[in-house]
Amino acid sequence: MSYLTHKAEQGRRIIVGIWNYRVVMTVDKENKPSFEISEVHYDENNKPYGWGEVMADDSLEELKESYEYMATAFDMPVLKVVDGKLVEQGE
């Protein structure tokens, strides 16, 4: 499941922002992996192009809903950070 974040018209082309939660893996200088759940944004070809930290919600109910949605990240392949870009494991 993905969420539509905004629609903006740029000339004649409509840009649609899609995001979801994914597990993102980074590797430090000692080749030790680290995993986090991040908000991942996708381009018009459904390729991940950006990610960021998860933020707090405005109410307990919204926080519960976000937690349930975040859990869906475990149902998708891990995204690995390679040269500053997100790459789906197995590609």
C-alpha atoms as a PDB file:
ATOM      1  CA  MET A   1       0.000   0.000   0.000  1.00  0.00           C
ATOM      2  CA  SER A   2       1.254   3.459  -0.846  1.00  0.00           C
ATOM      3  CA  TYR A   3      -0.044   6.878   0.029  1.00  0.00           C
ATOM      4  CA  LEU A   4      -0.583   9.804  -2.312  1.00  0.00           C
ATOM      5  CA  THR A   5       1.060  12.801  -0.689  1.00  0.00           C
ATOM      6  CA  HIS A   6       0.320  15.571  -3.169  1.00  0.00           C
ATOM      7  CA  LYS A   7      -0.507  16.466  -6.738  1.00  0.00           C
ATOM      8  CA  ALA A   8       1.153  19.415  -8.372  1.00  0.00           C
ATOM      9  CA  GLU A   9       0.864  20.542 -11.941  1.00  0.00           C
ATOM     10  CA  GLN A  10       4.157  21.391 -13.599  1.00  0.00           C
ATOM     11  CA  GLY A  11       3.397  22.739 -17.048  1.00  0.00           C
ATOM     12  CA  ARG A  12       1.122  20.105 -18.533  1.00  0.00           C
ATOM     13  CA  ARG A  13       2.539  17.196 -16.547  1.00  0.00           C
ATOM     14  CA  ILE A  14       1.019  16.194 -13.217  1.00  0.00           C
ATOM     15  CA  ILE A  15       3.464  15.086 -10.552  1.00  0.00           C
ATOM     16  CA  VAL A  16       2.128  12.626  -7.992  1.00  0.00           C
ATOM     17  CA  GLY A  17       4.013  11.926  -4.794  1.00  0.00           C
ATOM     18  CA  ILE A  18       3.727   8.354  -3.532  1.00  0.00           C
ATOM     19  CA  TRP A  19       5.283   7.051  -0.315  1.00  0.00           C
ATOM     20  CA  ASN A  20       5.164   4.164   2.111  1.00  0.00           C
ATOM     21  CA  TYR A  21       7.174   2.720   4.990  1.00  0.00           C
ATOM     22  CA  ARG A  22      10.056   0.392   4.163  1.00  0.00           C
ATOM     23  CA  VAL A  23      12.928  -1.272   5.953  1.00  0.00           C
ATOM     24  CA  VAL A  24      16.145   0.481   4.879  1.00  0.00           C
ATOM     25  CA  MET A  25      19.595  -1.019   5.443  1.00  0.00           C
ATOM     26  CA  THR A  26      22.782   1.015   5.667  1.00  0.00           C
ATOM     27  CA  VAL A  27      26.318  -0.329   6.056  1.00  0.00           C
ATOM     28  CA  ASP A  28      28.970   1.509   8.082  1.00  0.00           C
ATOM     29  CA  LYS A  29      32.696   1.788   7.316  1.00  0.00           C
ATOM     30  CA  GLU A  30      33.338  -1.489   9.128  1.00  0.00           C
ATOM     31  CA  ASN A  31      30.748  -3.235   6.908  1.00  0.00           C
ATOM     32  CA  LYS A  32      28.312  -3.581   9.829  1.00  0.00           C
ATOM     33  CA  PRO A  33      24.653  -3.374   8.722  1.00  0.00           C
ATOM     34  CA  SER A  34      22.027  -1.232  10.416  1.00  0.00           C
ATOM     35  CA  PHE A  35      18.269  -1.406   9.798  1.00  0.00           C
ATOM     36  CA  GLU A  36      15.566   1.244  10.207  1.00  0.00           C
ATOM     37  CA  ILE A  37      11.977   1.772   9.186  1.00  0.00           C
ATOM     38  CA  SER A  38      11.824   4.869   6.986  1.00  0.00           C
ATOM     39  CA  GLU A  39       9.283   6.809   4.979  1.00  0.00           C
ATOM     40  CA  VAL A  40      10.285   6.107   1.350  1.00  0.00           C
ATOM     41  CA  HIS A  41       9.195   8.275  -1.603  1.00  0.00           C
ATOM     42  CA  TYR A  42       8.810   7.002  -5.194  1.00  0.00           C
ATOM     43  CA  ASP A  43       9.123   8.593  -8.630  1.00  0.00           C
ATOM     44  CA  GLU A  44       6.650   8.245 -11.507  1.00  0.00           C
ATOM     45  CA  ASN A  45       8.254   4.893 -12.445  1.00  0.00           C
ATOM     46  CA  ASN A  46       7.641   3.547  -8.913  1.00  0.00           C
ATOM     47  CA  LYS A  47      11.388   3.611  -8.152  1.00  0.00           C
ATOM     48  CA  PRO A  48      12.407   4.737  -4.662  1.00  0.00           C
ATOM     49  CA  TYR A  49      14.327   8.016  -4.733  1.00  0.00           C
ATOM     50  CA  GLY A  50      14.292   9.390  -1.211  1.00  0.00           C
ATOM     51  CA  TRP A  51      13.793   8.440   2.384  1.00  0.00           C
ATOM     52  CA  GLY A  52      13.610  10.046   5.782  1.00  0.00           C
ATOM     53  CA  GLU A  53      13.061   9.501   9.442  1.00  0.00           C
ATOM     54  CA  VAL A  54       9.626   8.686  10.779  1.00  0.00           C
ATOM     55  CA  MET A  55       7.985  11.527  12.710  1.00  0.00           C
ATOM     56  CA  ALA A  56       5.556  11.609  15.610  1.00  0.00           C
ATOM     57  CA  ASP A  57       1.805  11.958  15.095  1.00  0.00           C
ATOM     58  CA  ASP A  58      -0.657  14.499  16.478  1.00  0.00           C
ATOM     59  CA  SER A  59      -2.791  12.048  18.470  1.00  0.00           C
ATOM     60  CA  LEU A  60      -2.598   8.622  20.051  1.00  0.00           C
ATOM     61  CA  GLU A  61      -5.071   7.264  17.481  1.00  0.00           C
ATOM     62  CA  GLU A  62      -2.957   8.571  14.562  1.00  0.00           C
ATOM     63  CA  LEU A  63       0.148   7.097  16.179  1.00  0.00           C
ATOM     64  CA  LYS A  64      -1.562   3.692  16.438  1.00  0.00           C
ATOM     65  CA  GLU A  65      -2.606   3.882  12.778  1.00  0.00           C
ATOM     66  CA  SER A  66       0.944   4.820  11.733  1.00  0.00           C
ATOM     67  CA  TYR A  67       2.344   1.938  13.762  1.00  0.00           C
ATOM     68  CA  GLU A  68       0.011  -0.520  12.019  1.00  0.00           C
ATOM     69  CA  TYR A  69       0.970   0.905   8.617  1.00  0.00           C
ATOM     70  CA  MET A  70       4.673   0.800   9.493  1.00  0.00           C
ATOM     71  CA  ALA A  71       4.357  -2.910  10.214  1.00  0.00           C
ATOM     72  CA  THR A  72       3.647  -3.464   6.501  1.00  0.00           C
ATOM     73  CA  ALA A  73       7.310  -2.578   5.834  1.00  0.00           C
ATOM     74  CA  PHE A  74       8.211  -6.115   6.908  1.00  0.00           C
ATOM     75  CA  ASP A  75       6.100  -7.527   4.053  1.00  0.00           C
ATOM     76  CA  MET A  76       8.313  -5.939   1.365  1.00  0.00           C
ATOM     77  CA  PRO A  77      11.953  -6.479   0.336  1.00  0.00           C
ATOM     78  CA  VAL A  78      14.614  -4.523   2.232  1.00  0.00           C
ATOM     79  CA  LEU A  79      15.954  -1.402   0.485  1.00  0.00           C
ATOM     80  CA  LYS A  80      19.747  -1.029   0.743  1.00  0.00           C
ATOM     81  CA  VAL A  81      21.521   2.323   0.544  1.00  0.00           C
ATOM     82  CA  VAL A  82      24.147   2.021  -2.234  1.00  0.00           C
ATOM     83  CA  ASP A  83      26.115   5.126  -3.219  1.00  0.00           C
ATOM     84  CA  GLY A  84      23.423   7.353  -1.722  1.00  0.00           C
ATOM     85  CA  LYS A  85      20.558   5.636  -3.579  1.00  0.00           C
ATOM     86  CA  LEU A  86      17.980   3.070  -2.512  1.00  0.00           C
ATOM     87  CA  VAL A  87      18.280  -0.361  -4.151  1.00  0.00           C
ATOM     88  CA  GLU A  88      15.834  -3.180  -3.534  1.00  0.00           C
ATOM     89  CA  GLN A  89      17.635  -6.265  -2.233  1.00  0.00           C
ATOM     90  CA  GLY A  90      17.708  -8.914  -4.942  1.00  0.00           C
ATOM     91  CA  GLU A  91      18.072  -6.459  -7.861  1.00  0.00           C
END
